[in-house]
C-alpha cells in the first residue's frame, strides 16, 4: 500500500457475538464491492483456551483446514481482509459486554447500525507495511485446497489459509501501520491493521 495521508474509519459496538460481528463486516464489504449479499470471505486469527488457529469466514460459516469450525470457545479474534479488520474480545461474565472494533480506510456506511455500531474517523499517515513471521516452515504438505501446513519441532503443526507454501518456505502476516502527529510534533503509531497472509522467502 502506498504511504501517504489517509482517513482511518473506526467502528465500535458492544454485545455482539463473534458470528454477528463477522457477518456484519462481510456483508458491508460485499455491498461496497458490489458482491454477494452474504459478503466477502475473510481471514481470521482465533484464540481459544486450547489453541491459536487460523480460519476462513465465508458464507456465514467458519472453515478450518478440515471443514467447518465451532467457535464457541473463542475468546479473542482478529478477522480481516485487504480493506478492513474486525477485532473481537469476549466478556467472560456478561455477553452484553463483548467488545467489537472495525478499522478500515473505507467508509462502511452499510454496517447494520441497528446493532449499535458507532463511527469515528481521523486523518492519519500510512506507515510501512509490517510482516510478522509465523512459527514453522512449509512442509510441502497441504491439508486441503487453499491451505498449507507449517511445522516445527518446538510448536508442532500450524495450518494456514494460504495456498502453495513450499517446503522450507515461511509464511507471514502483513499489517498496515498508521501514524499520527501528537502534541509538540511527535509522530506516534496510531493503529495497525492486519491485511493478509503471504509467503515469505524460500528454503533456508
Foldseek 3Di string as FASTA:
>chain_A
DDWFKFKKKKKKFFLDDPLLVVQLVQQLQQVVVVHDNSGDKKKKFFDFPVDTAIWIQDPSFTADLVGTDDRPRTAWMWIEAQFKIKTWGQDPPDSRGIMIMMMGRDDRPSRDCVRPIDMDMDMWIKDDKDKDWDPFAFQQDGSHPQKTWGADPVPGIYIDSHPDRHGQWTKIWIKIWIWDADPPGDIDTPDIHTHDMDIHDGHD
